[in-house]
Amino acid sequence: MILITGANGWLGLGLAEWISKHRNDLVGEIRALVLPNSDSQKLRAILPNVRIFSGDLSNGSGLVDFFDGAKGAWLIHTAGVIHPKKVQEFYAVNRDGTSRLLEAAASAGVWRAVVVSSNSPCGCNPHPDHLFDESSPYNPYMNYGRSKMEMELKALDLHATGRIEVVIIRAPWFYGPNQPPRQKLFFEMVRDGKAPIVGSGENKRSMAYIENLAQGLFLAAESPVAGGKAYWIADERPYSMNEIVDTIERLLETEFRQNCAHKRMRLPGFASEVALLLDASIQKLGMYQQKIHVLSEMNKTIACSVEKAKAELGYKPQVALEEGMRRSLREIYC
């Protein structure tokens, strides 16, 4: 049995598609936990036999039914909050909701939980040529990073009790089909010459094409050596912000017949530092503003190595930036 949380979200749907495409040999039940009153039509179209359960991690509703009879199952936990309205939601869902979920899973006899984390618990790279690996220390970036760090620590503490195996997957900025509206907005900003390049634009960002990330999650669920460990899962190499924006612009114009302005909204490096101060002030008041937060990261290097995942899990990222962005744009412009 496979249990998936956040199954009708961006990553959850990507995981469902990967299972349908690459692991149609699977036998047994697949269960999906989704928020009450959410639309699951796309999920049902991908996995017609999926059993859908309604629940909410912030209050624990639906977990008893979700885990009923799930002894020996795998849990892949993709649900989480990235851009909420209030800071408290980070902790209510990412930390406390995950802890509540894993306790219920352990009590039900679930064998292993693969928990999706982020690059944010490690923050930003100390210098432009640095790559995070699994030995990198915690240095959480704002409240999102702290909520994910505390989630990781609680999850690994539970693993140490022997009641359930836990694997942490640290995923950076991901991209690909089933994307939310904010991705379309980003593509439109590139097309219209409004994509922000802060500083030189040569700062590196690791990205994870959704199918690569789904592969990593599934390998982590199956691997006999993964229990109690954390892995970075991303594309083979990081990309500069200039490369990311240039690739999108070229594809928009040459393959999707979009007229591009061939401009960038160029800002000095200190614009991100001003945004960081403003972001910190807003979050101290308990609020969150997505655009300011994103701007605060735009001049920073956030890059990782996937060598441990390749060596221990057999991870082989199949899709890189150009093809991944091509597939992402095709969903919107075709």
Protein backbone atom coordinates (compact mmCIF):
# COMPACT_ATOMS: atom_id res chain seq x y z
CA MET A 1 0.00 0.00 0.00
CA ILE A 2 1.17 3.52 -0.83
CA LEU A 3 -0.16 6.54 1.06
CA ILE A 4 0.28 10.03 -0.41
CA THR A 5 -0.51 13.33 1.28
CA GLY A 6 -1.10 16.50 -0.73
CA ALA A 7 -1.92 14.20 -3.61
CA ASN A 8 -3.82 16.74 -5.69
CA GLY A 9 -1.19 19.44 -5.26
CA TRP A 10 1.62 20.27 -7.69
CA LEU A 11 4.09 17.70 -6.37
CA GLY A 12 1.43 15.15 -5.46
CA LEU A 13 0.06 15.10 -9.01
CA GLY A 14 3.60 14.83 -10.36
CA LEU A 15 4.20 11.82 -8.13
CA ALA A 16 0.92 10.26 -9.28
CA GLU A 17 1.92 10.72 -12.92
CA TRP A 18 5.36 9.20 -12.27
CA ILE A 19 3.77 6.15 -10.63
CA SER A 20 1.32 5.78 -13.52
CA LYS A 21 4.09 6.11 -16.11
CA HIS A 22 6.96 4.23 -14.51
CA ARG A 23 5.48 1.87 -11.92
CA ASN A 24 2.31 0.47 -13.42
CA ASP A 25 3.59 -2.88 -12.16
CA LEU A 26 2.60 -1.88 -8.64
CA VAL A 27 -0.06 -3.96 -7.02
CA GLY A 28 -2.01 -3.01 -3.95
CA GLU A 29 -3.92 0.01 -2.82
CA ILE A 30 -2.96 3.65 -3.35
CA ARG A 31 -4.53 6.11 -0.94
CA ALA A 32 -4.51 9.88 -1.23
CA LEU A 33 -5.12 12.43 1.53
CA VAL A 34 -6.49 15.74 0.22
CA LEU A 35 -7.95 18.84 1.83
CA PRO A 36 -11.72 18.86 2.37
CA ASN A 37 -13.71 20.16 -0.62
CA SER A 38 -10.67 20.16 -2.91
CA ASP A 39 -10.95 19.15 -6.56
CA SER A 40 -9.56 15.66 -7.16
CA GLN A 41 -10.68 15.17 -10.78
CA LYS A 42 -7.18 15.42 -12.20
CA LEU A 43 -5.85 12.97 -9.62
CA ARG A 44 -8.58 10.45 -10.45
CA ALA A 45 -7.82 10.81 -14.15
CA ILE A 46 -4.16 9.93 -13.51
CA LEU A 47 -4.79 7.12 -11.01
CA PRO A 48 -8.36 5.86 -11.61
CA ASN A 49 -8.19 3.33 -8.76
CA VAL A 50 -6.89 5.71 -6.11
CA ARG A 51 -8.85 5.86 -2.84
CA ILE A 52 -9.29 9.47 -1.80
CA PHE A 53 -9.57 10.50 1.84
CA SER A 54 -10.42 13.98 3.08
CA GLY A 55 -8.33 15.41 5.90
CA ASP A 56 -6.50 18.41 7.29
CA LEU A 57 -3.06 18.20 8.90
CA SER A 58 -3.57 21.42 10.84
CA ASN A 59 -6.21 19.74 13.03
CA GLY A 60 -5.66 16.04 12.35
CA SER A 61 -9.06 15.43 10.82
CA GLY A 62 -9.32 12.37 8.59
CA LEU A 63 -6.12 10.68 9.75
CA VAL A 64 -7.80 7.78 11.54
CA ASP A 65 -9.60 6.71 8.38
CA PHE A 66 -6.58 7.39 6.16
CA PHE A 67 -4.35 5.04 8.16
CA ASP A 68 -6.94 2.39 8.95
CA GLY A 69 -5.51 -1.00 7.94
CA ALA A 70 -2.24 0.58 6.68
CA LYS A 71 0.23 -1.62 8.56
CA GLY A 72 3.40 -2.10 6.51
CA ALA A 73 2.53 0.68 4.04
CA TRP A 74 4.74 3.44 2.62
CA LEU A 75 3.79 7.06 3.28
CA ILE A 76 5.01 9.78 0.91
CA HIS A 77 4.29 13.13 2.54
CA THR A 78 4.20 15.95 -0.02
CA ALA A 79 1.68 18.25 1.72
CA GLY A 80 2.94 21.53 3.12
CA VAL A 81 2.59 25.29 3.17
CA ILE A 82 5.00 27.45 1.16
CA HIS A 83 3.32 30.85 0.71
CA PRO A 84 0.66 31.34 3.42
CA LYS A 85 -1.03 34.53 4.56
CA LYS A 86 0.19 34.25 8.13
CA VAL A 87 3.44 33.00 9.63
CA GLN A 88 1.68 30.71 12.09
CA GLU A 89 0.50 28.55 9.18
CA PHE A 90 4.10 27.46 8.53
CA TYR A 91 4.28 25.88 11.96
CA ALA A 92 0.67 24.67 12.12
CA VAL A 93 1.08 22.62 8.93
CA ASN A 94 4.78 22.04 8.19
CA ARG A 95 5.89 21.26 11.73
CA ASP A 96 2.88 20.38 13.88
CA GLY A 97 0.79 18.90 11.07
CA THR A 98 3.65 16.67 9.95
CA SER A 99 4.33 15.57 13.52
CA ARG A 100 0.65 14.72 13.95
CA LEU A 101 0.65 12.81 10.67
CA LEU A 102 3.75 10.77 11.52
CA GLU A 103 2.49 9.91 15.00
CA ALA A 104 -0.72 8.59 13.45
CA ALA A 105 1.27 6.68 10.83
CA ALA A 106 3.52 5.11 13.46
CA SER A 107 0.55 4.10 15.58
CA ALA A 108 -1.03 2.44 12.52
CA GLY A 109 2.12 0.43 11.80
CA VAL A 110 3.18 2.28 8.64
CA TRP A 111 6.65 1.02 7.76
CA ARG A 112 8.32 4.07 6.22
CA ALA A 113 7.52 7.76 5.74
CA VAL A 114 9.26 9.83 3.07
CA VAL A 115 8.92 13.46 4.13
CA VAL A 116 9.38 16.35 1.69
CA SER A 117 11.46 19.16 3.12
CA SER A 118 13.19 22.07 1.40
CA ASN A 119 16.48 23.84 0.84
CA SER A 120 15.33 26.48 3.34
CA PRO A 121 16.43 24.67 6.53
CA CYS A 122 20.01 25.13 5.27
CA GLY A 123 19.40 28.69 4.06
CA CYS A 124 21.68 30.18 1.43
CA ASN A 125 25.13 29.00 0.37
CA PRO A 126 28.01 30.75 2.16
CA HIS A 127 29.76 31.59 -1.12
CA PRO A 128 28.88 31.35 -4.86
CA ASP A 129 30.86 28.17 -5.56
CA HIS A 130 29.51 26.23 -2.59
CA LEU A 131 27.07 23.32 -2.90
CA PHE A 132 24.97 22.04 -0.03
CA ASP A 133 25.27 18.35 0.74
CA GLU A 134 23.87 16.13 3.45
CA SER A 135 26.54 17.24 5.93
CA SER A 136 25.62 20.93 5.61
CA PRO A 137 24.50 22.47 8.92
CA TYR A 138 21.11 23.98 9.58
CA ASN A 139 20.89 27.72 8.98
CA PRO A 140 17.16 28.25 8.36
CA TYR A 141 15.98 31.01 6.07
CA MET A 142 13.15 32.88 7.76
CA ASN A 143 10.08 31.17 9.23
CA TYR A 144 9.49 28.80 6.34
CA GLY A 145 13.01 27.42 6.74
CA ARG A 146 12.64 27.19 10.51
CA SER A 147 9.30 25.37 10.25
CA LYS A 148 10.85 22.82 7.89
CA MET A 149 13.96 22.45 10.07
CA GLU A 150 11.82 21.78 13.15
CA MET A 151 9.74 19.36 11.07
CA GLU A 152 12.89 17.44 10.08
CA LEU A 153 14.13 17.26 13.66
CA LYS A 154 10.81 16.00 14.99
CA ALA A 155 10.55 13.43 12.20
CA LEU A 156 14.06 12.11 12.81
CA ASP A 157 13.42 11.96 16.57
CA LEU A 158 10.43 9.74 15.85
CA HIS A 159 12.58 7.56 13.58
CA ALA A 160 15.04 7.12 16.46
CA THR A 161 12.30 5.54 18.58
CA GLY A 162 12.08 2.64 16.11
CA ARG A 163 8.32 3.02 15.66
CA ILE A 164 8.57 4.09 12.00
CA GLU A 165 11.33 4.61 9.44
CA VAL A 166 11.68 8.18 8.19
CA VAL A 167 13.52 9.56 5.15
CA ILE A 168 13.89 13.30 4.56
CA ILE A 169 13.97 14.63 0.99
CA ARG A 170 15.23 18.20 0.58
CA ALA A 171 13.74 19.66 -2.57
CA PRO A 172 14.72 23.05 -3.99
CA TRP A 173 12.66 25.24 -6.35
CA PHE A 174 10.71 22.77 -8.46
CA TYR A 175 9.03 23.18 -11.81
CA GLY A 176 6.97 21.25 -14.33
CA PRO A 177 3.36 20.42 -15.30
CA ASN A 178 0.37 20.87 -12.98
CA GLN A 179 2.00 24.12 -11.90
CA PRO A 180 0.16 26.74 -9.83
CA PRO A 181 -0.77 30.22 -11.15
CA ARG A 182 2.41 31.78 -9.75
CA GLN A 183 4.45 29.89 -12.36
CA LYS A 184 2.37 31.29 -15.21
CA LEU A 185 2.88 34.75 -13.75
CA PHE A 186 6.64 34.17 -13.75
CA PHE A 187 6.56 33.12 -17.42
CA GLU A 188 4.53 36.20 -18.28
CA MET A 189 7.04 38.42 -16.48
CA VAL A 190 9.83 36.89 -18.58
CA ARG A 191 7.82 37.41 -21.78
CA ASP A 192 6.98 41.01 -20.91
CA GLY A 193 10.51 41.98 -19.89
CA LYS A 194 9.67 42.24 -16.18
CA ALA A 195 11.57 39.27 -14.82
CA PRO A 196 13.75 40.57 -11.98
CA ILE A 197 17.49 40.01 -12.21
CA VAL A 198 19.08 41.19 -8.99
CA GLY A 199 22.78 41.89 -9.17
CA SER A 200 24.69 40.09 -11.93
CA GLY A 201 22.19 37.24 -12.29
CA GLU A 202 25.05 34.73 -12.12
CA ASN A 203 24.02 33.41 -8.71
CA LYS A 204 23.20 29.71 -8.96
CA ARG A 205 19.90 28.03 -8.13
CA SER A 206 19.26 24.32 -7.90
CA MET A 207 15.94 23.33 -9.41
CA ALA A 208 14.07 20.02 -9.49
CA TYR A 209 11.96 19.07 -12.47
CA ILE A 210 8.83 17.51 -11.01
CA GLU A 211 9.44 14.10 -12.62
CA ASN A 212 13.02 14.01 -11.28
CA LEU A 213 11.73 14.81 -7.81
CA ALA A 214 9.02 12.15 -8.01
CA GLN A 215 11.66 9.59 -9.01
CA GLY A 216 13.73 10.56 -5.97
CA LEU A 217 10.76 10.26 -3.64
CA PHE A 218 9.90 6.80 -4.88
CA LEU A 219 13.50 5.59 -4.68
CA ALA A 220 13.67 6.88 -1.11
CA ALA A 221 10.53 4.90 -0.27
CA GLU A 222 11.99 1.67 -1.69
CA SER A 223 15.68 1.87 -0.77
CA PRO A 224 16.76 -0.47 2.05
CA VAL A 225 19.54 1.95 3.10
CA ALA A 226 17.57 5.21 3.25
CA GLY A 227 15.93 4.96 6.65
CA GLY A 228 16.90 7.76 9.04
CA LYS A 229 18.73 9.75 6.35
CA ALA A 230 18.25 12.98 4.41
CA TYR A 231 18.86 13.41 0.69
CA TRP A 232 18.99 16.38 -1.64
CA ILE A 233 16.96 15.74 -4.81
CA ALA A 234 17.34 18.17 -7.73
CA ASP A 235 18.37 18.36 -11.36
CA GLU A 236 21.90 17.22 -12.20
CA ARG A 237 23.39 20.70 -11.82
CA PRO A 238 22.38 24.17 -10.63
CA TYR A 239 21.53 26.95 -13.09
CA SER A 240 22.28 30.67 -12.95
CA MET A 241 19.30 33.02 -12.78
CA ASN A 242 20.38 34.37 -16.17
CA GLU A 243 20.28 30.87 -17.65
CA ILE A 244 16.83 30.19 -16.20
CA VAL A 245 15.31 33.38 -17.57
CA ASP A 246 17.14 33.18 -20.91
CA THR A 247 15.95 29.60 -21.43
CA ILE A 248 12.33 30.50 -20.75
CA GLU A 249 12.51 33.52 -23.05
CA ARG A 250 14.06 31.53 -25.90
CA LEU A 251 11.46 28.76 -25.65
CA LEU A 252 8.58 31.21 -25.43
CA GLU A 253 9.65 32.91 -28.62
CA THR A 254 10.99 30.07 -30.76
CA GLU A 255 8.57 27.27 -29.84
CA PHE A 256 5.45 28.91 -28.44
CA ARG A 257 5.08 31.95 -30.72
CA GLN A 258 5.16 34.47 -27.89
CA ASN A 259 6.47 37.97 -28.62
CA CYS A 260 9.10 38.66 -25.98
CA ALA A 261 10.29 42.11 -24.91
CA HIS A 262 13.93 40.94 -24.54
CA LYS A 263 14.31 43.00 -21.41
CA ARG A 264 14.96 42.35 -17.76
CA MET A 265 13.94 44.28 -14.66
CA ARG A 266 17.51 44.76 -13.47
CA LEU A 267 17.96 45.69 -9.84
CA PRO A 268 21.11 46.26 -7.80
CA GLY A 269 22.15 43.52 -5.42
CA PHE A 270 21.15 45.52 -2.35
CA ALA A 271 17.50 45.40 -3.48
CA SER A 272 17.32 41.84 -2.18
CA GLU A 273 18.92 42.88 1.10
CA VAL A 274 16.33 45.64 1.54
CA ALA A 275 13.61 43.10 0.76
CA LEU A 276 15.13 40.74 3.35
CA LEU A 277 14.90 43.40 6.06
CA LEU A 278 11.35 44.21 5.06
CA ASP A 279 10.43 40.53 4.92
CA ALA A 280 11.83 39.97 8.41
CA SER A 281 9.89 42.94 9.77
CA ILE A 282 6.63 41.78 8.21
CA GLN A 283 7.10 38.23 9.50
CA LYS A 284 7.80 39.52 13.03
CA LEU A 285 4.29 40.95 12.89
CA GLY A 286 2.99 37.49 12.04
CA MET A 287 2.27 38.21 8.39
CA TYR A 288 3.77 36.99 5.14
CA GLN A 289 4.12 38.70 1.76
CA GLN A 290 5.11 36.35 -1.05
CA LYS A 291 6.55 38.86 -3.54
CA ILE A 292 8.80 40.51 -0.95
CA HIS A 293 10.00 37.14 0.31
CA VAL A 294 10.83 35.91 -3.20
CA LEU A 295 12.67 39.17 -3.99
CA SER A 296 14.78 38.72 -0.85
CA GLU A 297 16.19 35.48 -2.33
CA MET A 298 16.79 36.66 -5.87
CA ASN A 299 20.48 37.60 -5.49
CA LYS A 300 21.41 34.54 -3.45
CA THR A 301 23.03 31.23 -4.34
CA ILE A 302 20.89 28.27 -3.25
CA ALA A 303 22.50 25.21 -4.78
CA CYS A 304 23.03 21.59 -3.82
CA SER A 305 24.80 18.38 -4.79
CA VAL A 306 22.79 15.24 -5.60
CA GLU A 307 25.77 12.88 -5.45
CA LYS A 308 24.64 11.06 -2.30
CA ALA A 309 21.20 10.35 -3.79
CA LYS A 310 22.84 9.08 -6.97
CA ALA A 311 25.24 6.82 -5.06
CA GLU A 312 22.86 5.42 -2.43
CA LEU A 313 19.42 5.55 -4.04
CA GLY A 314 20.35 5.07 -7.70
CA TYR A 315 18.86 8.48 -8.48
CA LYS A 316 19.26 9.49 -12.14
CA PRO A 317 17.71 12.85 -13.03
CA GLN A 318 16.40 12.40 -16.56
CA VAL A 319 15.20 15.93 -17.39
CA ALA A 320 17.20 19.16 -17.35
CA LEU A 321 16.20 22.82 -17.55
CA GLU A 322 15.46 23.25 -21.26
CA GLU A 323 13.27 20.17 -21.67
CA GLY A 324 11.63 20.70 -18.30
CA MET A 325 10.73 24.28 -19.13
CA ARG A 326 9.53 23.20 -22.57
CA ARG A 327 7.07 20.80 -20.93
CA SER A 328 6.05 23.44 -18.40
CA LEU A 329 5.34 26.03 -21.10
CA ARG A 330 3.53 23.50 -23.27
CA GLU A 331 0.95 23.05 -20.53
CA ILE A 332 0.11 26.76 -20.66
CA TYR A 333 0.67 27.84 -24.26
CA CYS A 334 -0.55 24.82 -26.25
